[in-house]
Amino acid sequence: MENENSVVGKLHQRIGEKKAEAEALYLTFLARSKEYQQTLEIKKEDFEVLLDSQGRPSSIFPKISELPGFLTLDVEEKVYNLMAVNVCGIGYGGNWSEEIMAVCVNDKSLNKTKGGGTSLINVVNEDAHQDILEAIKGSERTLFSVDV
């Protein structure tokens, strides 16, 4: 019986670790979304316009690189899409919320993705996040297109 308990114990330890990782990523996602919203001066009432103008994904489980965005930034040969999303954070310990998510479309190693469908979240690494914020503020090294 000890062997069975050991397997059960290890399984639940791993489950707890995975839940903690998902919750930590979700909290980072929310913090970054707030920074994007503040930097872009996006208000709650702007979300429906952004969601409508960027278009909807072609499927309920799209690849992260296929998600439509409202702003594309090209920073030092890295292409980032910013998109408005309705996210179900219940599986991460949160609630439904309207957020801004960034995705690097041409270097997947910069993305950390979790979930799928309405619970899909993505966080770019810290350097990419800072590059995005600088680009939004008007860095000279940025090419951009607004799709609203």
N, C-alpha and C. Protein backbone atom coordinates (compact mmCIF):
# COMPACT_ATOMS: atom_id res chain seq x y z
N MET A 1 0.81 -1.20 0.00
CA MET A 1 0.00 0.00 0.00
C MET A 1 0.85 1.26 0.00
N GLU A 2 2.02 1.20 0.60
CA GLU A 2 2.88 2.39 0.66
C GLU A 2 3.24 2.86 -0.74
N ASN A 3 3.47 1.91 -1.66
CA ASN A 3 3.80 2.26 -3.04
C ASN A 3 2.66 3.03 -3.69
N GLU A 4 1.40 2.59 -3.44
CA GLU A 4 0.24 3.28 -3.99
C GLU A 4 0.14 4.70 -3.45
N ASN A 5 0.35 4.85 -2.15
CA ASN A 5 0.30 6.18 -1.54
C ASN A 5 1.39 7.07 -2.10
N SER A 6 2.53 6.51 -2.37
CA SER A 6 3.63 7.28 -2.93
C SER A 6 3.27 7.80 -4.32
N VAL A 7 2.65 6.97 -5.13
CA VAL A 7 2.20 7.38 -6.46
C VAL A 7 1.14 8.46 -6.34
N VAL A 8 0.18 8.24 -5.45
CA VAL A 8 -0.89 9.21 -5.24
C VAL A 8 -0.31 10.53 -4.73
N GLY A 9 0.60 10.42 -3.79
CA GLY A 9 1.23 11.62 -3.23
C GLY A 9 1.98 12.41 -4.29
N LYS A 10 2.76 11.72 -5.11
CA LYS A 10 3.51 12.39 -6.17
C LYS A 10 2.59 13.01 -7.21
N LEU A 11 1.51 12.29 -7.55
CA LEU A 11 0.54 12.80 -8.51
C LEU A 11 -0.05 14.11 -8.01
N HIS A 12 -0.50 14.14 -6.77
CA HIS A 12 -1.15 15.34 -6.24
C HIS A 12 -0.14 16.47 -6.00
N GLN A 13 1.09 16.12 -5.71
CA GLN A 13 2.14 17.14 -5.61
C GLN A 13 2.31 17.81 -6.97
N ARG A 14 2.38 17.01 -8.02
CA ARG A 14 2.55 17.54 -9.39
C ARG A 14 1.34 18.38 -9.81
N ILE A 15 0.13 17.91 -9.46
CA ILE A 15 -1.07 18.67 -9.77
C ILE A 15 -1.02 20.03 -9.07
N GLY A 16 -0.62 20.05 -7.81
CA GLY A 16 -0.50 21.30 -7.07
C GLY A 16 0.52 22.24 -7.69
N GLU A 17 1.65 21.69 -8.14
CA GLU A 17 2.68 22.51 -8.80
C GLU A 17 2.15 23.12 -10.10
N LYS A 18 1.45 22.32 -10.89
CA LYS A 18 0.89 22.81 -12.16
C LYS A 18 -0.15 23.90 -11.92
N LYS A 19 -1.00 23.72 -10.90
CA LYS A 19 -1.99 24.75 -10.56
C LYS A 19 -1.30 26.05 -10.15
N ALA A 20 -0.26 25.93 -9.34
CA ALA A 20 0.48 27.12 -8.88
C ALA A 20 1.14 27.83 -10.06
N GLU A 21 1.70 27.07 -11.00
CA GLU A 21 2.32 27.67 -12.20
C GLU A 21 1.27 28.41 -13.03
N ALA A 22 0.10 27.80 -13.21
CA ALA A 22 -0.97 28.43 -14.00
C ALA A 22 -1.46 29.70 -13.31
N GLU A 23 -1.63 29.67 -12.01
CA GLU A 23 -2.09 30.84 -11.28
C GLU A 23 -1.05 31.97 -11.36
N ALA A 24 0.23 31.63 -11.25
CA ALA A 24 1.29 32.65 -11.35
C ALA A 24 1.31 33.27 -12.74
N LEU A 25 1.15 32.45 -13.78
CA LEU A 25 1.11 32.98 -15.14
C LEU A 25 -0.10 33.89 -15.33
N TYR A 26 -1.23 33.50 -14.77
CA TYR A 26 -2.46 34.29 -14.86
C TYR A 26 -2.28 35.65 -14.19
N LEU A 27 -1.65 35.68 -13.03
CA LEU A 27 -1.42 36.95 -12.33
C LEU A 27 -0.48 37.85 -13.14
N THR A 28 0.53 37.27 -13.77
CA THR A 28 1.42 38.04 -14.65
C THR A 28 0.63 38.56 -15.84
N PHE A 29 -0.20 37.71 -16.43
CA PHE A 29 -1.06 38.10 -17.55
C PHE A 29 -1.93 39.30 -17.18
N LEU A 30 -2.57 39.26 -16.02
CA LEU A 30 -3.42 40.36 -15.58
C LEU A 30 -2.62 41.65 -15.36
N ALA A 31 -1.46 41.53 -14.75
CA ALA A 31 -0.62 42.71 -14.49
C ALA A 31 -0.16 43.34 -15.80
N ARG A 32 0.25 42.50 -16.76
CA ARG A 32 0.70 43.02 -18.05
C ARG A 32 -0.46 43.66 -18.81
N SER A 33 -1.62 43.02 -18.77
CA SER A 33 -2.80 43.58 -19.42
C SER A 33 -3.09 44.97 -18.88
N LYS A 34 -3.02 45.12 -17.58
CA LYS A 34 -3.27 46.42 -16.95
C LYS A 34 -2.25 47.46 -17.45
N GLU A 35 -0.99 47.05 -17.55
CA GLU A 35 0.04 47.97 -18.06
C GLU A 35 -0.25 48.38 -19.50
N TYR A 36 -0.64 47.42 -20.35
CA TYR A 36 -0.98 47.75 -21.74
C TYR A 36 -2.17 48.70 -21.79
N GLN A 37 -3.19 48.41 -20.99
CA GLN A 37 -4.37 49.27 -20.97
C GLN A 37 -4.02 50.69 -20.53
N GLN A 38 -3.20 50.81 -19.50
CA GLN A 38 -2.81 52.14 -19.02
C GLN A 38 -1.97 52.87 -20.05
N THR A 39 -1.01 52.19 -20.64
CA THR A 39 -0.12 52.82 -21.61
C THR A 39 -0.87 53.23 -22.86
N LEU A 40 -1.83 52.41 -23.29
CA LEU A 40 -2.64 52.72 -24.48
C LEU A 40 -3.85 53.59 -24.15
N GLU A 41 -4.05 53.87 -22.86
CA GLU A 41 -5.18 54.68 -22.40
C GLU A 41 -6.53 54.09 -22.83
N ILE A 42 -6.63 52.77 -22.70
CA ILE A 42 -7.86 52.06 -23.06
C ILE A 42 -8.78 52.01 -21.86
N LYS A 43 -10.03 52.38 -22.09
CA LYS A 43 -11.05 52.35 -21.05
C LYS A 43 -11.93 51.13 -21.25
N LYS A 44 -12.65 50.78 -20.21
CA LYS A 44 -13.54 49.61 -20.26
C LYS A 44 -14.50 49.69 -21.45
N GLU A 45 -15.04 50.89 -21.71
CA GLU A 45 -16.01 51.04 -22.80
C GLU A 45 -15.37 50.91 -24.19
N ASP A 46 -14.04 50.88 -24.27
CA ASP A 46 -13.35 50.72 -25.55
C ASP A 46 -13.27 49.26 -26.00
N PHE A 47 -13.46 48.32 -25.08
CA PHE A 47 -13.23 46.92 -25.39
C PHE A 47 -14.13 46.38 -26.50
N GLU A 48 -15.40 46.72 -26.48
CA GLU A 48 -16.30 46.18 -27.50
C GLU A 48 -15.89 46.65 -28.89
N VAL A 49 -15.46 47.92 -29.00
CA VAL A 49 -14.99 48.44 -30.29
C VAL A 49 -13.75 47.68 -30.74
N LEU A 50 -12.82 47.45 -29.81
CA LEU A 50 -11.60 46.71 -30.15
C LEU A 50 -11.92 45.28 -30.56
N LEU A 51 -12.78 44.63 -29.80
CA LEU A 51 -13.14 43.24 -30.12
C LEU A 51 -13.81 43.14 -31.49
N ASP A 52 -14.72 44.07 -31.79
CA ASP A 52 -15.41 44.05 -33.08
C ASP A 52 -14.47 44.35 -34.23
N SER A 53 -13.59 45.32 -34.06
CA SER A 53 -12.75 45.73 -35.19
C SER A 53 -11.61 44.76 -35.46
N GLN A 54 -11.14 44.05 -34.46
CA GLN A 54 -10.03 43.12 -34.70
C GLN A 54 -10.52 41.82 -35.31
N GLY A 55 -11.81 41.57 -35.25
CA GLY A 55 -12.33 40.32 -35.78
C GLY A 55 -12.27 39.22 -34.74
N ARG A 56 -12.91 38.15 -35.03
CA ARG A 56 -12.97 37.01 -34.11
C ARG A 56 -12.08 35.89 -34.65
N PRO A 57 -11.58 35.04 -33.77
CA PRO A 57 -10.79 33.90 -34.23
C PRO A 57 -11.61 33.01 -35.16
N SER A 58 -10.92 32.29 -36.03
CA SER A 58 -11.60 31.43 -37.00
C SER A 58 -12.13 30.14 -36.38
N SER A 59 -11.66 29.81 -35.18
CA SER A 59 -12.18 28.62 -34.50
C SER A 59 -12.18 28.90 -33.00
N ILE A 60 -12.83 28.02 -32.24
CA ILE A 60 -12.87 28.21 -30.80
C ILE A 60 -11.53 27.88 -30.15
N PHE A 61 -10.71 27.08 -30.81
CA PHE A 61 -9.39 26.74 -30.31
C PHE A 61 -8.31 27.12 -31.34
N PRO A 62 -8.14 28.41 -31.60
CA PRO A 62 -7.15 28.81 -32.60
C PRO A 62 -5.73 28.68 -32.06
N LYS A 63 -4.78 28.61 -32.97
CA LYS A 63 -3.38 28.69 -32.58
C LYS A 63 -3.13 30.13 -32.14
N ILE A 64 -2.23 30.29 -31.21
CA ILE A 64 -1.96 31.62 -30.66
C ILE A 64 -1.53 32.60 -31.75
N SER A 65 -0.81 32.13 -32.74
CA SER A 65 -0.32 33.00 -33.82
C SER A 65 -1.44 33.39 -34.80
N GLU A 66 -2.60 32.71 -34.72
CA GLU A 66 -3.72 33.00 -35.62
C GLU A 66 -4.72 33.99 -35.03
N LEU A 67 -4.50 34.40 -33.81
CA LEU A 67 -5.45 35.31 -33.17
C LEU A 67 -5.34 36.70 -33.77
N PRO A 68 -6.49 37.30 -34.10
CA PRO A 68 -6.45 38.65 -34.66
C PRO A 68 -6.17 39.68 -33.57
N GLY A 69 -5.51 40.77 -33.95
CA GLY A 69 -5.22 41.83 -33.00
C GLY A 69 -5.65 43.17 -33.52
N PHE A 70 -5.62 44.17 -32.65
CA PHE A 70 -5.96 45.53 -33.05
C PHE A 70 -4.73 46.40 -33.26
N LEU A 71 -3.56 45.91 -32.82
CA LEU A 71 -2.32 46.67 -32.96
C LEU A 71 -1.17 45.70 -33.23
N THR A 72 -0.40 45.98 -34.27
CA THR A 72 0.78 45.19 -34.60
C THR A 72 1.99 46.07 -34.46
N LEU A 73 2.99 45.58 -33.74
CA LEU A 73 4.23 46.31 -33.53
C LEU A 73 5.39 45.49 -34.07
N ASP A 74 6.27 46.13 -34.79
CA ASP A 74 7.48 45.49 -35.28
C ASP A 74 8.65 46.15 -34.58
N VAL A 75 9.25 45.43 -33.64
CA VAL A 75 10.34 45.97 -32.83
C VAL A 75 11.58 45.11 -33.05
N GLU A 76 12.58 45.68 -33.71
CA GLU A 76 13.84 44.96 -33.95
C GLU A 76 13.60 43.56 -34.51
N GLU A 77 12.79 43.49 -35.55
CA GLU A 77 12.48 42.27 -36.28
C GLU A 77 11.62 41.27 -35.51
N LYS A 78 11.07 41.67 -34.39
CA LYS A 78 10.09 40.86 -33.67
C LYS A 78 8.73 41.50 -33.90
N VAL A 79 7.75 40.69 -34.29
CA VAL A 79 6.41 41.20 -34.58
C VAL A 79 5.48 40.77 -33.45
N TYR A 80 4.83 41.76 -32.83
CA TYR A 80 3.91 41.52 -31.73
C TYR A 80 2.51 41.96 -32.13
N ASN A 81 1.52 41.15 -31.80
CA ASN A 81 0.12 41.53 -31.94
C ASN A 81 -0.42 41.78 -30.54
N LEU A 82 -1.12 42.89 -30.40
CA LEU A 82 -1.87 43.14 -29.18
C LEU A 82 -3.33 42.95 -29.51
N MET A 83 -4.03 42.23 -28.64
CA MET A 83 -5.42 41.90 -28.91
C MET A 83 -6.25 42.07 -27.67
N ALA A 84 -7.50 42.45 -27.89
CA ALA A 84 -8.48 42.50 -26.82
C ALA A 84 -9.08 41.10 -26.71
N VAL A 85 -9.21 40.61 -25.49
CA VAL A 85 -9.75 39.27 -25.27
C VAL A 85 -10.71 39.27 -24.09
N ASN A 86 -11.74 38.45 -24.20
CA ASN A 86 -12.60 38.12 -23.05
C ASN A 86 -12.07 36.80 -22.51
N VAL A 87 -11.56 36.82 -21.30
CA VAL A 87 -10.90 35.64 -20.75
C VAL A 87 -11.69 35.10 -19.55
N CYS A 88 -11.87 33.80 -19.57
CA CYS A 88 -12.46 33.11 -18.43
C CYS A 88 -11.30 32.67 -17.52
N GLY A 89 -11.10 33.40 -16.45
CA GLY A 89 -9.99 33.11 -15.53
C GLY A 89 -10.36 32.18 -14.40
N ILE A 90 -11.54 31.59 -14.47
CA ILE A 90 -12.02 30.76 -13.37
C ILE A 90 -11.06 29.60 -13.08
N GLY A 91 -10.52 28.97 -14.11
CA GLY A 91 -9.58 27.87 -13.93
C GLY A 91 -8.25 28.28 -13.34
N TYR A 92 -7.99 29.58 -13.29
CA TYR A 92 -6.74 30.11 -12.74
C TYR A 92 -6.97 30.78 -11.38
N GLY A 93 -8.18 30.69 -10.86
CA GLY A 93 -8.49 31.33 -9.60
C GLY A 93 -9.06 32.73 -9.78
N GLY A 94 -9.47 33.09 -11.01
CA GLY A 94 -9.99 34.43 -11.29
C GLY A 94 -11.43 34.39 -11.76
N ASN A 95 -11.82 35.37 -12.53
CA ASN A 95 -13.17 35.51 -13.05
C ASN A 95 -13.11 35.84 -14.54
N TRP A 96 -14.28 36.08 -15.14
CA TRP A 96 -14.34 36.59 -16.51
C TRP A 96 -13.82 38.02 -16.50
N SER A 97 -13.03 38.38 -17.50
CA SER A 97 -12.55 39.76 -17.59
C SER A 97 -12.15 40.09 -19.03
N GLU A 98 -12.16 41.38 -19.31
CA GLU A 98 -11.70 41.89 -20.61
C GLU A 98 -10.26 42.35 -20.43
N GLU A 99 -9.38 41.80 -21.25
CA GLU A 99 -7.95 42.06 -21.08
C GLU A 99 -7.29 42.36 -22.42
N ILE A 100 -6.09 42.89 -22.35
CA ILE A 100 -5.23 43.08 -23.52
C ILE A 100 -4.11 42.05 -23.41
N MET A 101 -3.92 41.29 -24.48
CA MET A 101 -2.91 40.23 -24.49
C MET A 101 -1.93 40.50 -25.62
N ALA A 102 -0.66 40.27 -25.35
CA ALA A 102 0.39 40.42 -26.36
C ALA A 102 0.90 39.03 -26.77
N VAL A 103 1.17 38.90 -28.08
CA VAL A 103 1.71 37.65 -28.63
C VAL A 103 2.81 38.00 -29.61
N CYS A 104 3.95 37.33 -29.51
CA CYS A 104 4.98 37.47 -30.53
C CYS A 104 4.67 36.45 -31.62
N VAL A 105 4.39 36.94 -32.83
CA VAL A 105 3.94 36.04 -33.90
C VAL A 105 5.08 35.41 -34.69
N ASN A 106 6.28 35.96 -34.59
CA ASN A 106 7.37 35.38 -35.39
C ASN A 106 8.51 34.79 -34.56
N ASP A 107 8.36 34.74 -33.24
CA ASP A 107 9.33 34.06 -32.39
C ASP A 107 8.58 33.46 -31.21
N LYS A 108 8.13 32.24 -31.40
CA LYS A 108 7.28 31.58 -30.40
C LYS A 108 7.99 31.35 -29.07
N SER A 109 9.33 31.38 -29.07
CA SER A 109 10.07 31.17 -27.83
C SER A 109 9.84 32.31 -26.83
N LEU A 110 9.32 33.44 -27.30
CA LEU A 110 9.05 34.58 -26.40
C LEU A 110 7.69 34.46 -25.73
N ASN A 111 6.86 33.51 -26.16
CA ASN A 111 5.51 33.34 -25.64
C ASN A 111 5.45 32.23 -24.60
N LYS A 112 4.64 32.46 -23.57
CA LYS A 112 4.30 31.39 -22.62
C LYS A 112 2.78 31.35 -22.59
N THR A 113 2.22 30.25 -23.09
CA THR A 113 0.79 30.12 -23.32
C THR A 113 0.20 29.06 -22.41
N LYS A 114 -1.03 29.31 -21.98
CA LYS A 114 -1.75 28.36 -21.14
C LYS A 114 -3.21 28.38 -21.54
N GLY A 115 -3.87 27.25 -21.42
CA GLY A 115 -5.31 27.18 -21.65
C GLY A 115 -5.67 27.07 -23.12
N GLY A 116 -6.95 27.25 -23.39
CA GLY A 116 -7.46 27.18 -24.75
C GLY A 116 -8.86 27.76 -24.78
N GLY A 117 -9.31 28.12 -25.96
CA GLY A 117 -10.64 28.70 -26.09
C GLY A 117 -10.75 29.98 -25.28
N THR A 118 -11.79 30.09 -24.46
CA THR A 118 -12.00 31.31 -23.68
C THR A 118 -11.06 31.44 -22.49
N SER A 119 -10.31 30.39 -22.16
CA SER A 119 -9.35 30.47 -21.06
C SER A 119 -7.91 30.61 -21.56
N LEU A 120 -7.74 30.86 -22.86
CA LEU A 120 -6.40 31.01 -23.44
C LEU A 120 -5.76 32.30 -22.96
N ILE A 121 -4.56 32.18 -22.40
CA ILE A 121 -3.78 33.35 -22.02
C ILE A 121 -2.36 33.19 -22.56
N ASN A 122 -1.72 34.33 -22.81
CA ASN A 122 -0.33 34.32 -23.27
C ASN A 122 0.40 35.47 -22.61
N VAL A 123 1.64 35.21 -22.23
CA VAL A 123 2.52 36.22 -21.66
C VAL A 123 3.83 36.16 -22.43
N VAL A 124 4.29 37.31 -22.92
CA VAL A 124 5.61 37.36 -23.54
C VAL A 124 6.65 37.53 -22.42
N ASN A 125 7.91 37.20 -22.71
CA ASN A 125 8.91 37.32 -21.66
C ASN A 125 9.13 38.79 -21.28
N GLU A 126 9.83 39.02 -20.19
CA GLU A 126 9.97 40.37 -19.63
C GLU A 126 10.62 41.35 -20.61
N ASP A 127 11.68 40.93 -21.31
CA ASP A 127 12.34 41.83 -22.28
C ASP A 127 11.37 42.22 -23.39
N ALA A 128 10.63 41.26 -23.91
CA ALA A 128 9.65 41.55 -24.97
C ALA A 128 8.56 42.48 -24.44
N HIS A 129 8.12 42.24 -23.23
CA HIS A 129 7.09 43.09 -22.61
C HIS A 129 7.58 44.54 -22.53
N GLN A 130 8.80 44.73 -22.08
CA GLN A 130 9.36 46.08 -21.98
C GLN A 130 9.52 46.72 -23.37
N ASP A 131 9.92 45.91 -24.36
CA ASP A 131 10.01 46.42 -25.74
C ASP A 131 8.64 46.89 -26.24
N ILE A 132 7.60 46.14 -25.91
CA ILE A 132 6.24 46.51 -26.33
C ILE A 132 5.84 47.84 -25.68
N LEU A 133 6.08 47.97 -24.39
CA LEU A 133 5.72 49.21 -23.70
C LEU A 133 6.47 50.40 -24.28
N GLU A 134 7.76 50.23 -24.56
CA GLU A 134 8.55 51.30 -25.17
C GLU A 134 8.02 51.64 -26.56
N ALA A 135 7.65 50.62 -27.32
CA ALA A 135 7.13 50.83 -28.67
C ALA A 135 5.82 51.61 -28.63
N ILE A 136 4.97 51.27 -27.68
CA ILE A 136 3.69 51.98 -27.55
C ILE A 136 3.94 53.45 -27.23
N LYS A 137 4.95 53.71 -26.42
CA LYS A 137 5.25 55.09 -26.03
C LYS A 137 5.91 55.89 -27.14
N GLY A 138 6.23 55.22 -28.26
CA GLY A 138 6.72 55.96 -29.42
C GLY A 138 8.20 55.83 -29.70
N SER A 139 8.76 54.69 -29.44
CA SER A 139 10.17 54.48 -29.73
C SER A 139 10.44 54.65 -31.22
N GLU A 140 11.58 55.22 -31.54
CA GLU A 140 11.97 55.47 -32.93
C GLU A 140 12.21 54.17 -33.71
N ARG A 141 12.43 53.08 -33.01
CA ARG A 141 12.78 51.82 -33.69
C ARG A 141 11.55 50.94 -33.93
N THR A 142 10.39 51.53 -33.92
CA THR A 142 9.14 50.75 -34.01
C THR A 142 8.39 51.04 -35.30
N LEU A 143 7.96 49.99 -35.97
CA LEU A 143 6.99 50.09 -37.05
C LEU A 143 5.69 49.55 -36.48
N PHE A 144 4.57 50.16 -36.85
CA PHE A 144 3.32 49.70 -36.28
C PHE A 144 2.18 49.87 -37.26
N SER A 145 1.10 49.12 -37.01
CA SER A 145 -0.14 49.32 -37.75
C SER A 145 -1.29 49.16 -36.78
N VAL A 146 -2.25 50.05 -36.90
CA VAL A 146 -3.44 50.02 -36.05
C VAL A 146 -4.59 49.50 -36.90
N ASP A 147 -5.23 48.46 -36.43
CA ASP A 147 -6.30 47.80 -37.18
C ASP A 147 -7.66 48.00 -36.53
N VAL A 148 -7.98 49.25 -36.20
CA VAL A 148 -9.27 49.56 -35.59
C VAL A 148 -10.07 50.38 -36.56
